[in-house]
Amino acid sequence: MKLKWFPSELIVRHEFARLTMIVLSIGALAVLFLAASTFGLGEWSAEGQQILFASLAFPLKFEKAERKPDEDFVSNLQTIAFLDPLTGLKNRRGLEGHVSSIFDEKFDTQNRVAVMLLDLDRFKLINDTFGHDAGDQILRDLAHRLKDLTIDKSDMACFRLGGDEFVILWTGGPSFAEVDAFCIDVKQCLSVPYFIDRSEVEGGCSIGITWQNEADTGLGTMLKRADMALYKAKSMPGSAHRFFCKQIEIEMQSKREMEDIVRSIVVDQSFDLSYEPIAYADDLKVNHFEVNILRQGFDCYLLANDDYVNVLNETGLIIPFNRVVLERLVEDIASWSKQSKVVINMSSSQLLDPNFVSYLSETLRKNKVECNRLVVAFDTLERTENPELIGTNLQGLVDLGVRIASYGLGGNISDFISGEKNQHKYLILKKNWVKNVTEDAGSFELLENLIKLAQGLGLKIIVQGVETASQMKHLSQLPNILIKGSAVEKIKSSV
């Protein structure tokens, strides 16, 4: 059986052999000296001196010969440490080593380095859909494409930073126009579809770009700016690239402040709930309300503000936030004298919480509130992530007796209306559907046909944005629909 040695064990093994040789040599010399003194052999001959020196030199020669493989082994380890085994590109350590040599030189504006931070679009979805082996295959393919783009450019180097993030360094002071044109080439190259098990997967990437400046002290400051630019690029539709600028830094600082505010709202529960009436169009009877969530001390609807919603989703705070809001809402409903229903808007991210239905069920049970008094409206039912869990939670809500609602006909509306108990579901039409119903007969006819179609499928209808008495009068001609807006708020109602 062949023994396998770790580097430390190799060193110990060779050190032990070397010391053994030295000890044996010294022992042999001691015997020779003892013999000479005992038998009076006199001074050493020239031949004896050569033997003595050879015996002393042997361990040193042995050490040199034996330690050479260790040095090769360490050299190989160093090479491996700076390479990404999946793609063959240099890794973050390799990038840091490359950049450190740049910072050893005096900064020159005309020779500054361009840093391009690249992120593959929809990579998480690919991993979740096709598996991690497929994801690895795409990363290898992507790295191969980047190598082809830069192989003839001695002033460029590619690195894999980690995950699906890659870095391209361009030395020699490239111009804005040159970097811009190169990024366009990169996006075109990476937009070519990938193939996984005969399935075609759309490509694409986002790129954040920055330049080295005199204040930079190392890789970290440059990557931080490139990352901010990448964040802006990823917020744009399709594949995009963005150059870092001061405005982006200001926006990111504002975003961090927003994150602190949202986190404090969740932790301290510093929000208030207000309730907006929803009435039947024909008799203006109010028996539904929509809950609005306000930041405490501010006239600001949290879920009506895209900045707050985006931060809640990006930080993962949306799930705990919705939980504390639901608890407060259910407590309020339990105290009402009338058996009104309440519509609450939620991000579809909540459907990715595997404990969502059980938690909601327990909250309703604990407060003795009937499940059918709650209408949960989701911003979209697009099942782009973990569709099985989303479908399970949607069905769980229906089985529990909670009403669910979808906005308009977007998202996966076919799944929404294909299940059972459509009479427990709502279709919410936004204000653009009623904006021109009083002036344009065609708009009213279109709205009327849509409502009849939805009601034929068993859905209840809520029309938002009813702001004038004229709009209310037109909608009153449509049977059994609910309306909401500033015109309805004027109706004197009590919970």
Protein backbone atom coordinates (compact mmCIF):
# COMPACT_ATOMS: atom_id res chain seq x y z
CA MET A 1 0.00 0.00 0.00
CA LYS A 2 1.52 3.35 -1.06
CA LEU A 3 1.69 5.93 1.70
CA LYS A 4 0.35 9.43 1.03
CA TRP A 5 2.19 12.25 2.77
CA PHE A 6 0.99 15.74 3.60
CA PRO A 7 3.53 18.56 3.12
CA SER A 8 4.17 18.82 6.87
CA GLU A 9 4.76 15.06 7.07
CA LEU A 10 7.20 15.23 4.16
CA ILE A 11 9.20 17.89 5.94
CA VAL A 12 9.26 15.91 9.21
CA ARG A 13 10.32 12.77 7.36
CA HIS A 14 13.24 14.51 5.62
CA GLU A 15 14.33 16.36 8.75
CA PHE A 16 14.38 13.09 10.69
CA ALA A 17 16.52 11.39 8.04
CA ARG A 18 18.97 14.31 7.95
CA LEU A 19 19.38 14.41 11.72
CA THR A 20 19.82 10.65 11.81
CA MET A 21 22.71 10.91 9.35
CA ILE A 22 24.38 13.68 11.37
CA VAL A 23 24.05 11.70 14.63
CA LEU A 24 25.54 8.58 12.99
CA SER A 25 28.45 10.60 11.57
CA ILE A 26 29.22 12.16 14.93
CA GLY A 27 29.01 8.73 16.55
CA ALA A 28 31.49 7.30 14.04
CA LEU A 29 33.92 10.15 14.67
CA ALA A 30 33.71 9.59 18.40
CA VAL A 31 34.63 5.93 17.91
CA LEU A 32 37.60 6.88 15.73
CA PHE A 33 38.91 9.40 18.27
CA LEU A 34 38.52 6.86 21.07
CA ALA A 35 40.43 4.25 19.10
CA ALA A 36 43.20 6.71 18.26
CA SER A 37 43.68 7.79 21.86
CA THR A 38 43.53 4.21 23.15
CA PHE A 39 45.97 2.63 20.73
CA GLY A 40 48.15 5.69 20.12
CA LEU A 41 47.60 5.94 16.43
CA GLY A 42 48.97 9.48 16.34
CA GLU A 43 47.91 12.22 13.94
CA TRP A 44 45.36 11.76 11.16
CA SER A 45 46.67 10.97 7.73
CA ALA A 46 45.54 12.97 4.69
CA GLU A 47 43.35 10.02 3.64
CA GLY A 48 41.79 9.90 7.11
CA GLN A 49 41.02 13.60 6.98
CA GLN A 50 39.24 13.13 3.60
CA ILE A 51 37.13 10.35 5.11
CA LEU A 52 36.26 12.60 8.05
CA PHE A 53 35.22 15.53 5.84
CA ALA A 54 33.20 13.22 3.57
CA SER A 55 31.33 11.83 6.54
CA LEU A 56 30.44 15.34 7.68
CA ALA A 57 29.46 16.53 4.20
CA PHE A 58 27.22 13.54 3.45
CA PRO A 59 24.30 14.66 5.65
CA LEU A 60 24.46 18.10 4.04
CA LYS A 61 24.37 16.61 0.52
CA PHE A 62 21.56 14.34 1.65
CA GLU A 63 19.65 17.34 2.97
CA LYS A 64 20.02 19.22 -0.32
CA ALA A 65 18.96 16.24 -2.43
CA GLU A 66 16.05 15.32 -0.18
CA ARG A 67 14.62 18.82 0.29
CA LYS A 68 14.38 19.60 -3.44
CA PRO A 69 11.15 17.63 -3.94
CA ASP A 70 9.64 19.60 -1.01
CA GLU A 71 10.47 22.89 -2.72
CA ASP A 72 8.82 21.66 -5.94
CA PHE A 73 5.81 20.52 -3.97
CA VAL A 74 5.46 23.90 -2.25
CA SER A 75 5.83 25.63 -5.60
CA ASN A 76 2.99 23.50 -6.99
CA LEU A 77 0.87 24.30 -3.96
CA GLN A 78 1.44 28.02 -4.51
CA THR A 79 0.38 27.67 -8.15
CA ILE A 80 -2.77 25.79 -7.14
CA ALA A 81 -3.57 28.36 -4.42
CA PHE A 82 -3.78 31.15 -7.01
CA LEU A 83 -5.93 29.25 -9.54
CA ASP A 84 -9.65 28.57 -9.59
CA PRO A 85 -9.94 24.79 -10.13
CA LEU A 86 -13.35 25.05 -11.85
CA THR A 87 -12.52 27.57 -14.59
CA GLY A 88 -8.72 27.57 -14.72
CA LEU A 89 -8.69 31.35 -14.24
CA LYS A 90 -6.73 32.99 -11.45
CA ASN A 91 -8.80 33.35 -8.28
CA ARG A 92 -9.11 36.21 -5.78
CA ARG A 93 -5.63 35.50 -4.34
CA GLY A 94 -4.25 35.68 -7.86
CA LEU A 95 -6.12 38.95 -8.41
CA GLU A 96 -4.73 40.42 -5.18
CA GLY A 97 -1.19 39.41 -6.17
CA HIS A 98 -1.66 40.96 -9.62
CA VAL A 99 -3.01 44.21 -8.18
CA SER A 100 -0.30 44.48 -5.50
CA SER A 101 2.33 44.69 -8.24
CA ILE A 102 0.36 47.56 -9.78
CA PHE A 103 0.32 49.47 -6.49
CA ASP A 104 4.07 48.98 -6.14
CA GLU A 105 4.43 51.42 -9.04
CA LYS A 106 3.86 55.16 -8.81
CA PHE A 107 0.32 56.20 -9.79
CA ASP A 108 0.03 57.59 -13.29
CA THR A 109 -3.27 59.02 -14.53
CA GLN A 110 -2.35 58.18 -18.11
CA ASN A 111 -1.59 54.59 -17.18
CA ARG A 112 -4.37 53.84 -14.67
CA VAL A 113 -6.07 50.46 -14.49
CA ALA A 114 -9.70 49.81 -15.49
CA VAL A 115 -11.54 47.30 -13.30
CA MET A 116 -14.59 45.51 -14.74
CA LEU A 117 -16.69 43.47 -12.30
CA LEU A 118 -18.96 41.05 -14.15
CA ASP A 119 -21.97 39.13 -12.85
CA LEU A 120 -23.90 36.45 -14.77
CA ASP A 121 -27.62 37.21 -15.11
CA ARG A 122 -30.18 34.74 -13.67
CA PHE A 123 -27.46 32.39 -12.40
CA LYS A 124 -29.35 31.50 -9.22
CA LEU A 125 -32.42 30.60 -11.27
CA ILE A 126 -30.26 28.37 -13.51
CA ASN A 127 -28.80 26.63 -10.47
CA ASP A 128 -32.23 26.12 -8.92
CA THR A 129 -33.75 24.88 -12.18
CA PHE A 130 -31.02 22.69 -13.66
CA GLY A 131 -28.83 21.91 -10.63
CA HIS A 132 -25.33 22.92 -9.51
CA ASP A 133 -23.57 20.68 -12.05
CA ALA A 134 -25.26 22.65 -14.82
CA GLY A 135 -24.29 25.88 -13.09
CA ASP A 136 -20.64 24.74 -13.00
CA GLN A 137 -20.81 23.90 -16.70
CA ILE A 138 -22.05 27.39 -17.51
CA LEU A 139 -19.30 28.98 -15.39
CA ARG A 140 -16.66 26.98 -17.28
CA ASP A 141 -18.22 28.01 -20.60
CA LEU A 142 -18.35 31.66 -19.50
CA ALA A 143 -14.67 31.56 -18.45
CA HIS A 144 -13.75 30.04 -21.82
CA ARG A 145 -15.56 32.88 -23.63
CA LEU A 146 -13.76 35.50 -21.52
CA LYS A 147 -10.41 33.87 -22.29
CA ASP A 148 -11.18 34.02 -26.01
CA LEU A 149 -12.03 37.73 -25.71
CA THR A 150 -8.80 38.61 -23.91
CA ILE A 151 -6.27 36.05 -25.17
CA ASP A 152 -4.73 38.44 -27.70
CA LYS A 153 -4.65 41.39 -25.28
CA SER A 154 -1.48 41.36 -23.19
CA ASP A 155 -2.72 44.27 -21.08
CA MET A 156 -5.85 42.36 -19.94
CA ALA A 157 -6.26 39.63 -17.34
CA CYS A 158 -9.35 37.66 -16.24
CA PHE A 159 -10.06 36.38 -12.74
CA ARG A 160 -12.88 34.51 -11.03
CA LEU A 161 -13.74 36.41 -7.86
CA GLY A 162 -16.16 33.78 -6.57
CA GLY A 163 -19.62 32.41 -7.37
CA ASP A 164 -20.70 33.90 -10.69
CA GLU A 165 -18.59 37.06 -10.30
CA PHE A 166 -15.59 37.64 -12.55
CA VAL A 167 -13.09 40.49 -12.80
CA ILE A 168 -11.30 41.80 -15.88
CA LEU A 169 -8.30 44.10 -15.33
CA TRP A 170 -7.17 46.33 -18.17
CA THR A 171 -3.82 48.02 -17.59
CA GLY A 172 -2.18 50.70 -19.68
CA GLY A 173 -4.76 53.45 -19.19
CA PRO A 174 -7.57 52.48 -21.61
CA SER A 175 -9.95 55.29 -22.56
CA PHE A 176 -13.62 55.50 -21.66
CA ALA A 177 -14.57 54.75 -25.28
CA GLU A 178 -12.30 51.70 -25.40
CA VAL A 179 -13.71 50.21 -22.20
CA ASP A 180 -17.27 51.00 -23.27
CA ALA A 181 -16.75 49.23 -26.63
CA PHE A 182 -15.12 46.24 -24.94
CA CYS A 183 -18.03 45.87 -22.48
CA ILE A 184 -20.44 45.84 -25.41
CA ASP A 185 -18.38 43.01 -26.94
CA VAL A 186 -18.46 41.10 -23.63
CA LYS A 187 -22.24 41.42 -23.37
CA GLN A 188 -22.73 40.26 -26.95
CA CYS A 189 -20.41 37.29 -26.41
CA LEU A 190 -22.09 36.21 -23.18
CA SER A 191 -25.62 36.72 -24.55
CA VAL A 192 -25.17 33.68 -26.81
CA PRO A 193 -27.33 30.92 -25.25
CA TYR A 194 -25.77 28.08 -23.28
CA PHE A 195 -26.83 24.47 -23.78
CA ILE A 196 -27.58 22.14 -20.88
CA ASP A 197 -28.77 18.61 -21.66
CA ARG A 198 -30.03 19.82 -25.05
CA SER A 199 -31.90 22.67 -23.35
CA GLU A 200 -31.12 26.21 -24.46
CA VAL A 201 -30.47 28.63 -21.58
CA GLU A 202 -30.44 32.37 -22.21
CA GLY A 203 -27.15 34.10 -21.45
CA GLY A 204 -26.44 37.64 -20.37
CA CYS A 205 -24.41 39.59 -17.84
CA SER A 206 -24.15 42.89 -15.98
CA ILE A 207 -20.89 44.81 -15.64
CA GLY A 208 -19.75 47.51 -13.20
CA ILE A 209 -16.67 49.53 -14.19
CA THR A 210 -14.30 51.80 -12.31
CA TRP A 211 -10.78 53.17 -12.74
CA GLN A 212 -7.87 53.15 -10.35
CA ASN A 213 -7.40 56.53 -8.67
CA GLU A 214 -4.60 58.04 -6.65
CA ALA A 215 -6.40 57.59 -3.33
CA ASP A 216 -6.76 53.82 -3.77
CA THR A 217 -4.72 51.80 -1.31
CA GLY A 218 -5.50 48.36 -2.67
CA LEU A 219 -7.94 46.06 -4.38
CA GLY A 220 -10.76 46.55 -1.87
CA THR A 221 -11.47 50.20 -2.65
CA MET A 222 -11.58 49.57 -6.40
CA LEU A 223 -13.86 46.54 -6.05
CA LYS A 224 -16.18 48.51 -3.77
CA ARG A 225 -16.73 51.13 -6.48
CA ALA A 226 -17.07 48.52 -9.21
CA ASP A 227 -19.64 46.68 -7.07
CA MET A 228 -21.74 49.84 -6.68
CA ALA A 229 -21.67 50.33 -10.44
CA LEU A 230 -22.60 46.65 -10.92
CA TYR A 231 -25.59 47.08 -8.60
CA LYS A 232 -26.88 49.91 -10.79
CA ALA A 233 -26.28 47.85 -13.94
CA LYS A 234 -28.28 44.94 -12.51
CA SER A 235 -31.22 47.25 -11.79
CA MET A 236 -31.47 48.04 -15.52
CA PRO A 237 -33.46 45.80 -17.88
CA GLY A 238 -31.50 43.18 -19.84
CA SER A 239 -27.72 42.99 -19.96
CA ALA A 240 -26.19 46.33 -19.03
CA HIS A 241 -22.95 47.97 -17.97
CA ARG A 242 -22.48 51.07 -15.83
CA PHE A 243 -19.46 53.22 -15.03
CA PHE A 244 -18.99 54.30 -11.44
CA CYS A 245 -19.71 57.97 -10.72
CA LYS A 246 -20.25 60.12 -7.64
CA GLN A 247 -24.03 60.05 -8.09
CA ILE A 248 -24.03 56.26 -7.74
CA GLU A 249 -22.10 56.57 -4.47
CA ILE A 250 -24.67 59.08 -3.17
CA GLU A 251 -27.54 56.77 -4.17
CA MET A 252 -25.89 53.78 -2.46
CA GLN A 253 -25.36 55.81 0.72
CA SER A 254 -29.06 56.71 0.63
CA LYS A 255 -29.90 53.04 0.15
CA ARG A 256 -27.84 52.06 3.21
CA GLU A 257 -29.65 54.69 5.26
CA MET A 258 -32.95 53.31 3.98
CA GLU A 259 -31.87 49.82 5.07
CA ASP A 260 -31.19 51.12 8.60
CA ILE A 261 -34.64 52.75 8.70
CA VAL A 262 -36.41 49.61 7.46
CA ARG A 263 -34.49 47.41 9.91
CA SER A 264 -35.46 49.65 12.81
CA ILE A 265 -39.11 49.62 11.67
CA VAL A 266 -39.11 45.81 11.73
CA VAL A 267 -37.21 45.43 15.01
CA ASP A 268 -39.02 48.22 16.91
CA GLN A 269 -42.36 47.69 15.11
CA SER A 270 -42.47 51.45 14.60
CA PHE A 271 -45.36 51.50 12.14
CA ASP A 272 -49.08 52.30 12.20
CA LEU A 273 -51.98 50.75 10.32
CA SER A 274 -54.76 52.71 8.62
CA TYR A 275 -57.83 51.28 6.90
CA GLU A 276 -59.28 52.50 3.59
CA PRO A 277 -62.93 51.61 2.83
CA ILE A 278 -63.94 49.44 -0.12
CA ALA A 279 -67.62 49.65 -1.13
CA TYR A 280 -69.99 47.89 -3.51
CA ALA A 281 -70.49 50.10 -6.56
CA ASP A 282 -74.28 49.70 -6.74
CA ASP A 283 -75.33 50.52 -3.14
CA LEU A 284 -72.05 51.95 -1.70
CA LYS A 285 -72.23 49.53 1.21
CA VAL A 286 -68.85 49.14 2.87
CA ASN A 287 -67.86 45.70 4.11
CA HIS A 288 -64.21 45.52 2.95
CA PHE A 289 -61.20 47.60 3.95
CA GLU A 290 -57.66 47.77 2.62
CA VAL A 291 -54.92 48.12 5.21
CA ASN A 292 -52.14 50.64 4.64
CA ILE A 293 -48.87 50.52 6.57
CA LEU A 294 -47.42 53.87 7.59
CA ARG A 295 -44.02 54.65 9.02
CA GLN A 296 -44.63 55.88 12.54
CA GLY A 297 -44.46 59.66 12.74
CA PHE A 298 -44.39 60.07 8.95
CA ASP A 299 -47.13 60.49 6.36
CA CYS A 300 -45.64 57.71 4.24
CA TYR A 301 -47.23 54.45 3.07
CA LEU A 302 -44.43 51.91 3.31
CA LEU A 303 -45.66 49.40 0.73
CA ALA A 304 -46.64 52.19 -1.68
CA ASN A 305 -43.02 53.35 -1.71
CA ASP A 306 -40.92 51.31 -4.12
CA ASP A 307 -37.71 52.23 -2.26
CA TYR A 308 -38.98 50.67 0.97
CA VAL A 309 -40.33 47.60 -0.83
CA ASN A 310 -37.07 47.05 -2.72
CA VAL A 311 -35.02 47.30 0.48
CA LEU A 312 -37.36 44.90 2.29
CA ASN A 313 -37.00 42.34 -0.50
CA GLU A 314 -33.25 42.75 -1.00
CA THR A 315 -32.39 42.48 2.69
CA GLY A 316 -34.72 39.54 3.30
CA LEU A 317 -36.60 41.60 5.90
CA ILE A 318 -39.86 41.30 3.97
CA ILE A 319 -40.80 38.01 5.64
CA PRO A 320 -40.32 39.12 9.29
CA PHE A 321 -41.87 42.49 8.40
CA ASN A 322 -45.02 40.88 7.02
CA ARG A 323 -45.24 38.67 10.10
CA VAL A 324 -45.29 41.56 12.57
CA VAL A 325 -47.76 43.44 10.35
CA LEU A 326 -50.06 40.40 10.20
CA GLU A 327 -49.99 40.05 13.98
CA ARG A 328 -50.97 43.69 14.45
CA LEU A 329 -53.65 43.45 11.74
CA VAL A 330 -55.27 40.32 13.13
CA GLU A 331 -55.34 41.85 16.62
CA ASP A 332 -57.15 44.89 15.16
CA ILE A 333 -59.68 42.75 13.27
CA ALA A 334 -60.44 40.78 16.42
CA SER A 335 -61.48 44.00 18.16
CA TRP A 336 -63.93 45.14 15.46
CA SER A 337 -67.65 44.85 16.05
CA LYS A 338 -68.52 44.33 12.37
CA GLN A 339 -67.43 41.22 10.45
CA SER A 340 -65.70 43.20 7.71
CA LYS A 341 -63.07 41.72 5.44
CA VAL A 342 -59.59 43.25 5.15
CA VAL A 343 -57.32 43.29 2.10
CA ILE A 344 -53.60 43.26 2.86
CA ASN A 345 -50.96 43.68 0.15
CA MET A 346 -47.96 41.38 0.35
CA SER A 347 -44.87 40.68 -1.67
CA SER A 348 -44.89 37.29 -3.35
CA SER A 349 -41.57 36.73 -1.52
CA GLN A 350 -43.73 35.78 1.46
CA LEU A 351 -44.77 32.66 -0.47
CA LEU A 352 -41.15 31.49 -0.24
CA ASP A 353 -41.53 31.13 3.54
CA PRO A 354 -42.26 27.41 4.11
CA ASN A 355 -43.93 28.25 7.46
CA PHE A 356 -46.12 31.05 6.14
CA VAL A 357 -49.46 29.19 6.06
CA SER A 358 -48.99 27.49 9.45
CA TYR A 359 -47.90 30.76 11.06
CA LEU A 360 -50.90 32.65 9.63
CA SER A 361 -53.27 29.87 10.70
CA GLU A 362 -51.96 29.97 14.27
CA THR A 363 -52.15 33.78 14.40
CA LEU A 364 -55.80 33.76 13.27
CA ARG A 365 -56.69 30.93 15.65
CA LYS A 366 -55.01 32.59 18.62
CA ASN A 367 -57.00 35.80 18.06
CA LYS A 368 -60.25 33.96 17.22
CA VAL A 369 -60.54 35.59 13.78
CA GLU A 370 -62.30 33.74 10.96
CA CYS A 371 -59.95 32.93 8.09
CA ASN A 372 -62.41 34.19 5.45
CA ARG A 373 -62.11 37.77 6.78
CA LEU A 374 -58.57 38.08 5.43
CA VAL A 375 -57.84 38.79 1.74
CA VAL A 376 -54.13 38.50 0.90
CA ALA A 377 -53.23 40.38 -2.31
CA PHE A 378 -49.91 39.52 -3.95
CA ASP A 379 -48.03 41.98 -6.14
CA THR A 380 -47.33 39.22 -8.67
CA LEU A 381 -47.85 35.49 -8.92
CA GLU A 382 -44.91 34.97 -11.29
CA ARG A 383 -43.29 31.72 -10.20
CA THR A 384 -39.69 32.40 -11.12
CA GLU A 385 -38.20 30.96 -7.94
CA ASN A 386 -39.16 27.70 -6.23
CA PRO A 387 -42.52 27.32 -8.03
CA GLU A 388 -43.40 24.19 -6.05
CA LEU A 389 -43.25 26.02 -2.70
CA ILE A 390 -45.19 29.01 -4.07
CA GLY A 391 -47.90 26.70 -5.43
CA THR A 392 -48.08 24.78 -2.15
CA ASN A 393 -48.48 27.97 -0.10
CA LEU A 394 -51.13 29.40 -2.45
CA GLN A 395 -53.15 26.20 -2.21
CA GLY A 396 -52.59 26.14 1.54
CA LEU A 397 -54.14 29.60 1.87
CA VAL A 398 -57.17 28.55 -0.18
CA ASP A 399 -57.60 25.36 1.87
CA LEU A 400 -57.33 27.38 5.07
CA GLY A 401 -60.19 29.62 3.90
CA VAL A 402 -58.09 32.77 3.49
CA ARG A 403 -59.07 34.72 0.38
CA ILE A 404 -56.30 35.52 -2.09
CA ALA A 405 -56.11 38.26 -4.72
CA SER A 406 -54.05 39.00 -7.81
CA TYR A 407 -53.43 42.36 -9.46
CA GLY A 408 -54.68 42.51 -13.04
CA LEU A 409 -54.02 39.84 -15.60
CA GLY A 410 -50.24 39.83 -15.28
CA GLY A 411 -48.12 37.16 -13.65
CA ASN A 412 -49.21 33.56 -13.78
CA ILE A 413 -52.93 34.31 -13.88
CA SER A 414 -53.74 30.96 -15.52
CA ASP A 415 -52.49 29.14 -12.41
CA PHE A 416 -54.41 31.56 -10.22
CA ILE A 417 -57.79 30.79 -11.79
CA SER A 418 -57.23 27.12 -12.68
CA GLY A 419 -57.51 25.76 -9.15
CA GLU A 420 -60.60 25.15 -7.07
CA LYS A 421 -62.63 27.64 -5.04
CA ASN A 422 -62.40 30.58 -7.45
CA GLN A 423 -65.28 32.10 -5.52
CA HIS A 424 -62.74 32.71 -2.76
CA LYS A 425 -60.45 34.69 -5.05
CA TYR A 426 -60.30 38.35 -6.05
CA LEU A 427 -59.06 40.12 -9.16
CA ILE A 428 -57.87 43.67 -8.43
CA LEU A 429 -57.93 46.19 -11.30
CA LYS A 430 -55.71 49.26 -10.89
CA LYS A 431 -56.81 52.84 -11.54
CA ASN A 432 -55.69 52.92 -15.17
CA TRP A 433 -58.71 50.72 -15.98
CA VAL A 434 -61.16 53.42 -14.83
CA LYS A 435 -59.22 56.54 -15.77
CA ASN A 436 -61.17 57.20 -19.01
CA VAL A 437 -64.47 55.35 -18.46
CA THR A 438 -66.46 58.59 -18.24
CA GLU A 439 -65.07 60.13 -21.43
CA ASP A 440 -64.46 57.08 -23.61
CA ALA A 441 -67.27 54.60 -24.28
CA GLY A 442 -64.73 52.12 -25.63
CA SER A 443 -62.80 52.12 -22.34
CA PHE A 444 -65.97 51.45 -20.37
CA GLU A 445 -66.99 48.65 -22.72
CA LEU A 446 -63.54 47.04 -22.40
CA LEU A 447 -63.72 47.24 -18.60
CA GLU A 448 -67.26 45.83 -18.61
CA ASN A 449 -66.25 42.83 -20.77
CA LEU A 450 -63.21 42.11 -18.61
CA ILE A 451 -65.30 42.17 -15.44
CA LYS A 452 -67.94 39.87 -16.96
CA LEU A 453 -65.21 37.43 -18.02
CA ALA A 454 -63.64 37.42 -14.54
CA GLN A 455 -67.02 37.04 -12.82
CA GLY A 456 -67.83 34.18 -15.18
CA LEU A 457 -64.75 32.43 -13.77
CA GLY A 458 -66.10 32.96 -10.27
CA LEU A 459 -63.77 35.80 -9.26
CA LYS A 460 -64.74 38.79 -7.17
CA ILE A 461 -63.68 42.18 -8.58
CA ILE A 462 -62.10 45.17 -6.82
CA VAL A 463 -61.62 48.30 -8.96
CA GLN A 464 -59.11 50.81 -7.55
CA GLY A 465 -58.61 54.51 -8.24
CA VAL A 466 -62.25 55.63 -8.26
CA GLU A 467 -61.82 59.34 -7.67
CA THR A 468 -64.94 61.07 -8.99
CA ALA A 469 -68.69 60.79 -8.57
CA SER A 470 -68.99 60.38 -12.34
CA GLN A 471 -66.74 57.31 -12.27
CA MET A 472 -68.78 55.88 -9.39
CA LYS A 473 -71.99 56.41 -11.38
CA HIS A 474 -70.63 54.55 -14.42
CA LEU A 475 -69.33 51.66 -12.33
CA SER A 476 -72.64 51.37 -10.48
CA GLN A 477 -74.07 49.95 -13.72
CA LEU A 478 -71.85 46.87 -13.28
CA PRO A 479 -73.31 44.38 -10.82
CA ASN A 480 -71.58 43.06 -7.73
CA ILE A 481 -68.21 44.84 -8.04
CA LEU A 482 -66.22 46.52 -5.28
CA ILE A 483 -64.65 49.95 -5.72
CA LYS A 484 -61.93 51.83 -3.84
CA GLY A 485 -60.56 55.35 -4.11
CA SER A 486 -60.81 58.90 -2.82
CA ALA A 487 -64.48 59.10 -3.82
CA VAL A 488 -65.30 56.10 -1.64
CA GLU A 489 -63.29 57.45 1.30
CA LYS A 490 -65.75 60.31 1.57
CA ILE A 491 -68.46 57.85 2.58
CA LYS A 492 -68.97 57.95 6.31
CA SER A 493 -68.35 54.43 7.58
CA SER A 494 -67.19 52.87 10.79
CA VAL A 495 -65.46 49.57 11.31
